[in-house]
Amino acid sequence: MQETTQFIEKSTNAIADSYRLKILLELSKKGEMCCRDVQELIGLSQSTCSHHIGLLIESELVESKKEGKFHKISLNRENFKKLSAFFQELS
């Protein structure tokens, strides 16, 4: 139960930021993105984009994989199902 509570807390905090929410919405459309794509989307510096991506990865809503010298991020759909189930319980 505590593990679930921690996941919900981290994930809702990650979603609460407008930049991270934009990233998540774009990932749902595109499937995967790299940091440069995120920079173009939200118009922030590379280091700030990396920070936001890091928080999304830490929240376990986003996964990262290395392709060559780039890291590609994508949604962790299983964890979005867990988050959805939590909100479903509240309704």
C-alpha atoms as a PDB file:
ATOM      1  CA  MET A   1       0.000   0.000   0.000  1.00  0.00           C
ATOM      2  CA  GLN A   2       2.792   2.447   0.868  1.00  0.00           C
ATOM      3  CA  GLU A   3       4.496   1.739  -2.448  1.00  0.00           C
ATOM      4  CA  THR A   4       1.261   2.572  -4.278  1.00  0.00           C
ATOM      5  CA  THR A   5       0.819   5.740  -2.239  1.00  0.00           C
ATOM      6  CA  GLN A   6       4.366   6.860  -3.064  1.00  0.00           C
ATOM      7  CA  PHE A   7       3.808   6.162  -6.765  1.00  0.00           C
ATOM      8  CA  ILE A   8       0.561   8.176  -6.784  1.00  0.00           C
ATOM      9  CA  GLU A   9       2.224  11.054  -4.958  1.00  0.00           C
ATOM     10  CA  LYS A  10       5.217  11.169  -7.334  1.00  0.00           C
ATOM     11  CA  SER A  11       3.140  10.810 -10.463  1.00  0.00           C
ATOM     12  CA  THR A  12       0.560  13.441  -9.552  1.00  0.00           C
ATOM     13  CA  ASN A  13       3.347  15.870  -8.615  1.00  0.00           C
ATOM     14  CA  ALA A  14       4.941  15.232 -12.006  1.00  0.00           C
ATOM     15  CA  ILE A  15       1.685  15.860 -13.855  1.00  0.00           C
ATOM     16  CA  ALA A  16       0.948  19.028 -11.863  1.00  0.00           C
ATOM     17  CA  ASP A  17       3.596  21.033 -13.746  1.00  0.00           C
ATOM     18  CA  SER A  18       2.404  22.620 -17.016  1.00  0.00           C
ATOM     19  CA  TYR A  19       5.673  21.886 -18.872  1.00  0.00           C
ATOM     20  CA  ARG A  20       5.685  18.235 -17.844  1.00  0.00           C
ATOM     21  CA  LEU A  21       2.011  17.931 -18.712  1.00  0.00           C
ATOM     22  CA  LYS A  22       2.777  19.252 -22.212  1.00  0.00           C
ATOM     23  CA  ILE A  23       5.562  16.688 -22.551  1.00  0.00           C
ATOM     24  CA  LEU A  24       3.236  13.860 -21.507  1.00  0.00           C
ATOM     25  CA  LEU A  25       0.504  14.978 -23.896  1.00  0.00           C
ATOM     26  CA  GLU A  26       2.969  15.178 -26.778  1.00  0.00           C
ATOM     27  CA  LEU A  27       4.380  11.753 -25.924  1.00  0.00           C
ATOM     28  CA  SER A  28       0.869  10.331 -26.072  1.00  0.00           C
ATOM     29  CA  LYS A  29       0.616  11.612 -29.661  1.00  0.00           C
ATOM     30  CA  LYS A  30       4.154  10.896 -30.924  1.00  0.00           C
ATOM     31  CA  GLY A  31       5.048   7.757 -28.991  1.00  0.00           C
ATOM     32  CA  GLU A  32       8.617   8.814 -28.230  1.00  0.00           C
ATOM     33  CA  MET A  33      10.768  11.936 -28.140  1.00  0.00           C
ATOM     34  CA  CYS A  34      14.336  13.018 -27.434  1.00  0.00           C
ATOM     35  CA  CYS A  35      15.458  16.011 -25.374  1.00  0.00           C
ATOM     36  CA  ARG A  36      15.774  18.175 -28.472  1.00  0.00           C
ATOM     37  CA  ASP A  37      12.124  17.462 -29.346  1.00  0.00           C
ATOM     38  CA  VAL A  38      11.176  18.504 -25.822  1.00  0.00           C
ATOM     39  CA  GLN A  39      13.209  21.711 -26.154  1.00  0.00           C
ATOM     40  CA  GLU A  40      11.353  22.616 -29.338  1.00  0.00           C
ATOM     41  CA  LEU A  41       8.022  21.810 -27.707  1.00  0.00           C
ATOM     42  CA  ILE A  42       8.377  23.838 -24.527  1.00  0.00           C
ATOM     43  CA  GLY A  43      11.037  26.366 -25.528  1.00  0.00           C
ATOM     44  CA  LEU A  44      13.304  25.959 -22.516  1.00  0.00           C
ATOM     45  CA  SER A  45      17.053  25.335 -22.272  1.00  0.00           C
ATOM     46  CA  GLN A  46      18.502  21.865 -22.675  1.00  0.00           C
ATOM     47  CA  SER A  47      19.380  21.615 -18.987  1.00  0.00           C
ATOM     48  CA  THR A  48      15.866  22.648 -17.903  1.00  0.00           C
ATOM     49  CA  CYS A  49      14.320  20.143 -20.318  1.00  0.00           C
ATOM     50  CA  SER A  50      16.611  17.435 -18.955  1.00  0.00           C
ATOM     51  CA  HIS A  51      15.479  18.334 -15.441  1.00  0.00           C
ATOM     52  CA  HIS A  52      11.798  17.971 -16.376  1.00  0.00           C
ATOM     53  CA  ILE A  53      12.470  14.713 -18.218  1.00  0.00           C
ATOM     54  CA  GLY A  54      14.383  13.420 -15.187  1.00  0.00           C
ATOM     55  CA  LEU A  55      11.440  14.154 -12.903  1.00  0.00           C
ATOM     56  CA  LEU A  56       9.081  12.336 -15.280  1.00  0.00           C
ATOM     57  CA  ILE A  57      11.408   9.327 -15.345  1.00  0.00           C
ATOM     58  CA  GLU A  58      11.699   9.409 -11.548  1.00  0.00           C
ATOM     59  CA  SER A  59       7.895   9.483 -11.304  1.00  0.00           C
ATOM     60  CA  GLU A  60       7.863   6.272 -13.374  1.00  0.00           C
ATOM     61  CA  LEU A  61       5.385   7.759 -15.854  1.00  0.00           C
ATOM     62  CA  VAL A  62       8.093   7.924 -18.529  1.00  0.00           C
ATOM     63  CA  GLU A  63      10.721   5.424 -19.594  1.00  0.00           C
ATOM     64  CA  SER A  64      14.065   6.216 -21.214  1.00  0.00           C
ATOM     65  CA  LYS A  65      16.155   4.159 -23.596  1.00  0.00           C
ATOM     66  CA  LYS A  66      19.451   5.009 -25.239  1.00  0.00           C
ATOM     67  CA  GLU A  67      19.634   4.990 -29.032  1.00  0.00           C
ATOM     68  CA  GLY A  68      23.109   5.862 -30.202  1.00  0.00           C
ATOM     69  CA  LYS A  69      24.082   9.067 -28.438  1.00  0.00           C
ATOM     70  CA  PHE A  70      20.478  10.089 -27.787  1.00  0.00           C
ATOM     71  CA  HIS A  71      18.039   9.101 -25.077  1.00  0.00           C
ATOM     72  CA  LYS A  72      14.491   8.511 -26.257  1.00  0.00           C
ATOM     73  CA  ILE A  73      11.627   8.843 -23.811  1.00  0.00           C
ATOM     74  CA  SER A  74       8.207   7.244 -24.019  1.00  0.00           C
ATOM     75  CA  LEU A  75       5.173   6.820 -21.789  1.00  0.00           C
ATOM     76  CA  ASN A  76       5.115   3.976 -19.290  1.00  0.00           C
ATOM     77  CA  ARG A  77       1.605   2.869 -20.209  1.00  0.00           C
ATOM     78  CA  GLU A  78       1.399   0.275 -17.434  1.00  0.00           C
ATOM     79  CA  ASN A  79       1.944   2.946 -14.803  1.00  0.00           C
ATOM     80  CA  PHE A  80      -0.652   5.196 -16.445  1.00  0.00           C
ATOM     81  CA  LYS A  81      -3.069   2.289 -16.081  1.00  0.00           C
ATOM     82  CA  LYS A  82      -2.235   2.149 -12.356  1.00  0.00           C
ATOM     83  CA  LEU A  83      -2.785   5.887 -12.040  1.00  0.00           C
ATOM     84  CA  SER A  84      -6.059   5.642 -13.938  1.00  0.00           C
ATOM     85  CA  ALA A  85      -7.232   2.814 -11.671  1.00  0.00           C
ATOM     86  CA  PHE A  86      -6.477   4.987  -8.622  1.00  0.00           C
ATOM     87  CA  PHE A  87      -8.605   7.841  -9.965  1.00  0.00           C
ATOM     88  CA  GLN A  88     -11.331   5.383 -10.956  1.00  0.00           C
ATOM     89  CA  GLU A  89     -11.523   4.260  -7.317  1.00  0.00           C
ATOM     90  CA  LEU A  90     -12.171   7.870  -6.290  1.00  0.00           C
ATOM     91  CA  SER A  91     -15.107   8.340  -8.655  1.00  0.00           C
END
